């Protein structure tokens, strides 16, 4: 993909009015318009203590608990608020816990045994794709 100059961009955007707008001060605003998408679904099969600590899963409501060896499910959604529905689906479909949920960025981390995390992630992706009409990604596992 080649880059274009500012003038070329403006000409493409305002091709009908470009001559009229030439030389005037313009304000360009970039707006992110999120689609309906599950853009990350990843399962970490068996985690080490350093992974939990770096994800800060050992603090807050989990303080003092040892989750070493548990599986971790990572998911990302747009629009970001969809993470609330995803968390609900995950905990109702399998015996998992919410490790982290961010409704302002659309990130969800679930924890539990490997079969439970796999079931929860699969059900979230399936439900978002089939029931809610979201574009979904493949589920990756490490």
Protein backbone atom coordinates (compact mmCIF):
# COMPACT_ATOMS: atom_id res chain seq x y z
CA UNK A 1 0.00 0.00 0.00
CA UNK A 2 1.50 3.32 -0.99
CA UNK A 3 1.13 6.50 1.02
CA UNK A 4 -0.60 9.59 -0.29
CA UNK A 5 -0.07 13.25 0.48
CA UNK A 6 -2.46 15.33 2.54
CA UNK A 7 -3.60 17.12 -0.59
CA UNK A 8 -4.30 13.83 -2.38
CA UNK A 9 -6.35 12.64 0.59
CA UNK A 10 -8.38 15.84 0.67
CA UNK A 11 -8.95 15.64 -3.05
CA UNK A 12 -10.23 12.07 -2.71
CA UNK A 13 -12.51 12.95 0.22
CA UNK A 14 -13.85 16.21 -1.13
CA UNK A 15 -13.48 15.63 -4.87
CA UNK A 16 -16.54 17.74 -5.74
CA UNK A 17 -15.71 20.63 -3.41
CA UNK A 18 -11.92 20.38 -3.42
CA UNK A 19 -11.30 23.52 -5.48
CA UNK A 20 -13.69 25.48 -3.25
CA UNK A 21 -12.03 24.20 -0.06
CA UNK A 22 -8.43 24.57 -1.28
CA UNK A 23 -6.39 26.83 0.98
CA UNK A 24 -8.98 26.95 3.77
CA UNK A 25 -8.34 25.65 7.26
CA UNK A 26 -9.93 22.25 7.66
CA UNK A 27 -10.29 20.13 10.75
CA UNK A 28 -10.00 16.39 10.26
CA UNK A 29 -11.46 14.12 12.89
CA UNK A 30 -10.82 10.40 13.03
CA UNK A 31 -13.72 8.41 14.38
CA UNK A 32 -13.57 4.75 15.25
CA UNK A 33 -16.80 3.04 14.40
CA UNK A 34 -16.76 -0.37 16.00
CA UNK A 35 -18.47 -3.19 14.21
CA UNK A 36 -20.12 -6.20 15.74
CA UNK A 37 -17.12 -8.46 16.14
CA UNK A 38 -15.41 -10.98 18.35
CA UNK A 39 -11.87 -10.15 17.26
CA UNK A 40 -9.88 -12.34 19.70
CA UNK A 41 -10.64 -15.70 21.28
CA UNK A 42 -7.60 -17.39 22.77
CA UNK A 43 -7.18 -20.12 25.36
CA UNK A 44 -4.04 -20.59 27.42
CA UNK A 45 -4.15 -24.23 28.40
CA UNK A 46 -2.15 -24.29 31.61
CA UNK A 47 -0.78 -21.09 33.04
CA UNK A 48 2.22 -20.44 35.22
CA UNK A 49 2.21 -18.16 38.23
CA UNK A 50 4.09 -15.42 36.34
CA UNK A 51 1.28 -15.26 33.76
CA UNK A 52 -1.33 -14.73 36.46
CA UNK A 53 0.79 -12.08 38.14
CA UNK A 54 1.48 -10.19 34.90
CA UNK A 55 -2.23 -10.19 34.09
CA UNK A 56 -2.90 -9.04 37.70
CA UNK A 57 -5.24 -11.98 38.24
CA UNK A 58 -3.78 -12.57 41.70
CA UNK A 59 -5.12 -9.30 43.20
CA UNK A 60 -8.53 -7.87 44.02
CA UNK A 61 -11.23 -10.49 44.52
CA UNK A 62 -8.65 -13.19 43.81
CA UNK A 63 -6.13 -11.97 46.40
CA UNK A 64 -4.56 -14.87 48.23
CA UNK A 65 -5.91 -17.47 45.81
CA UNK A 66 -3.52 -19.65 43.83
CA UNK A 67 -4.71 -20.25 40.28
CA UNK A 68 -1.41 -21.60 38.98
CA UNK A 69 -2.04 -24.27 36.37
CA UNK A 70 -5.57 -23.12 35.54
CA UNK A 71 -6.59 -22.26 32.01
CA UNK A 72 -7.15 -18.68 30.89
CA UNK A 73 -9.55 -17.55 28.19
CA UNK A 74 -8.89 -14.19 26.52
CA UNK A 75 -11.56 -12.49 24.40
CA UNK A 76 -12.01 -9.06 22.80
CA UNK A 77 -15.24 -7.51 21.51
CA UNK A 78 -16.56 -4.55 19.61
CA UNK A 79 -18.69 -2.76 20.53
CA UNK A 80 -16.97 -2.79 23.86
CA UNK A 81 -20.15 -3.05 25.91
CA UNK A 82 -20.72 -6.53 24.44
CA UNK A 83 -18.20 -7.81 26.97
CA UNK A 84 -20.94 -7.69 29.64
CA UNK A 85 -23.12 -10.12 27.68
CA UNK A 86 -20.07 -12.28 26.95
CA UNK A 87 -19.22 -12.53 30.64
CA UNK A 88 -22.80 -13.54 31.40
CA UNK A 89 -22.77 -16.23 28.71
CA UNK A 90 -19.38 -17.53 29.87
CA UNK A 91 -20.27 -17.99 33.53
CA UNK A 92 -23.65 -19.52 32.70
CA UNK A 93 -22.23 -22.01 30.21
CA UNK A 94 -19.39 -23.44 32.32
CA UNK A 95 -17.84 -23.30 35.77
CA UNK A 96 -15.49 -20.38 35.09
CA UNK A 97 -14.66 -17.20 36.95
CA UNK A 98 -14.28 -13.70 35.59
CA UNK A 99 -10.62 -12.78 35.97
CA UNK A 100 -10.96 -9.37 34.33
CA UNK A 101 -13.63 -7.50 32.40
CA UNK A 102 -13.26 -4.05 30.81
CA UNK A 103 -16.44 -2.63 29.30
CA UNK A 104 -14.51 0.42 28.04
CA UNK A 105 -12.09 -1.63 25.91
CA UNK A 106 -14.08 -4.82 25.34
CA UNK A 107 -11.61 -7.18 27.01
CA UNK A 108 -12.63 -10.28 28.93
CA UNK A 109 -10.44 -12.77 30.77
CA UNK A 110 -11.98 -15.91 32.24
CA UNK A 111 -10.26 -18.53 34.36
CA UNK A 112 -10.92 -22.10 35.41
CA UNK A 113 -10.22 -25.67 34.46
CA UNK A 114 -9.27 -26.28 30.83
CA UNK A 115 -12.52 -28.08 29.82
CA UNK A 116 -14.62 -25.34 31.44
CA UNK A 117 -12.68 -22.49 29.82
CA UNK A 118 -12.86 -24.21 26.41
CA UNK A 119 -16.62 -24.71 26.80
CA UNK A 120 -17.18 -21.10 27.89
CA UNK A 121 -15.09 -19.57 25.08
CA UNK A 122 -16.74 -21.83 22.47
CA UNK A 123 -20.21 -20.94 23.73
CA UNK A 124 -19.48 -17.20 23.77
CA UNK A 125 -18.12 -17.27 20.20
CA UNK A 126 -21.01 -19.47 19.02
CA UNK A 127 -23.66 -17.35 20.70
CA UNK A 128 -22.23 -14.08 19.38
CA UNK A 129 -21.97 -15.49 15.86
CA UNK A 130 -25.23 -17.43 15.58
CA UNK A 131 -27.57 -15.62 17.96
CA UNK A 132 -26.33 -12.03 17.81
CA UNK A 133 -25.03 -11.87 14.24
CA UNK A 134 -21.50 -10.81 15.17
CA UNK A 135 -18.53 -11.52 12.94
CA UNK A 136 -16.39 -13.99 14.86
CA UNK A 137 -12.81 -15.19 14.74
CA UNK A 138 -11.33 -18.63 15.17
CA UNK A 139 -10.58 -19.84 18.65
CA UNK A 140 -6.83 -20.27 19.17
CA UNK A 141 -5.27 -22.41 21.86
CA UNK A 142 -1.78 -22.59 23.28
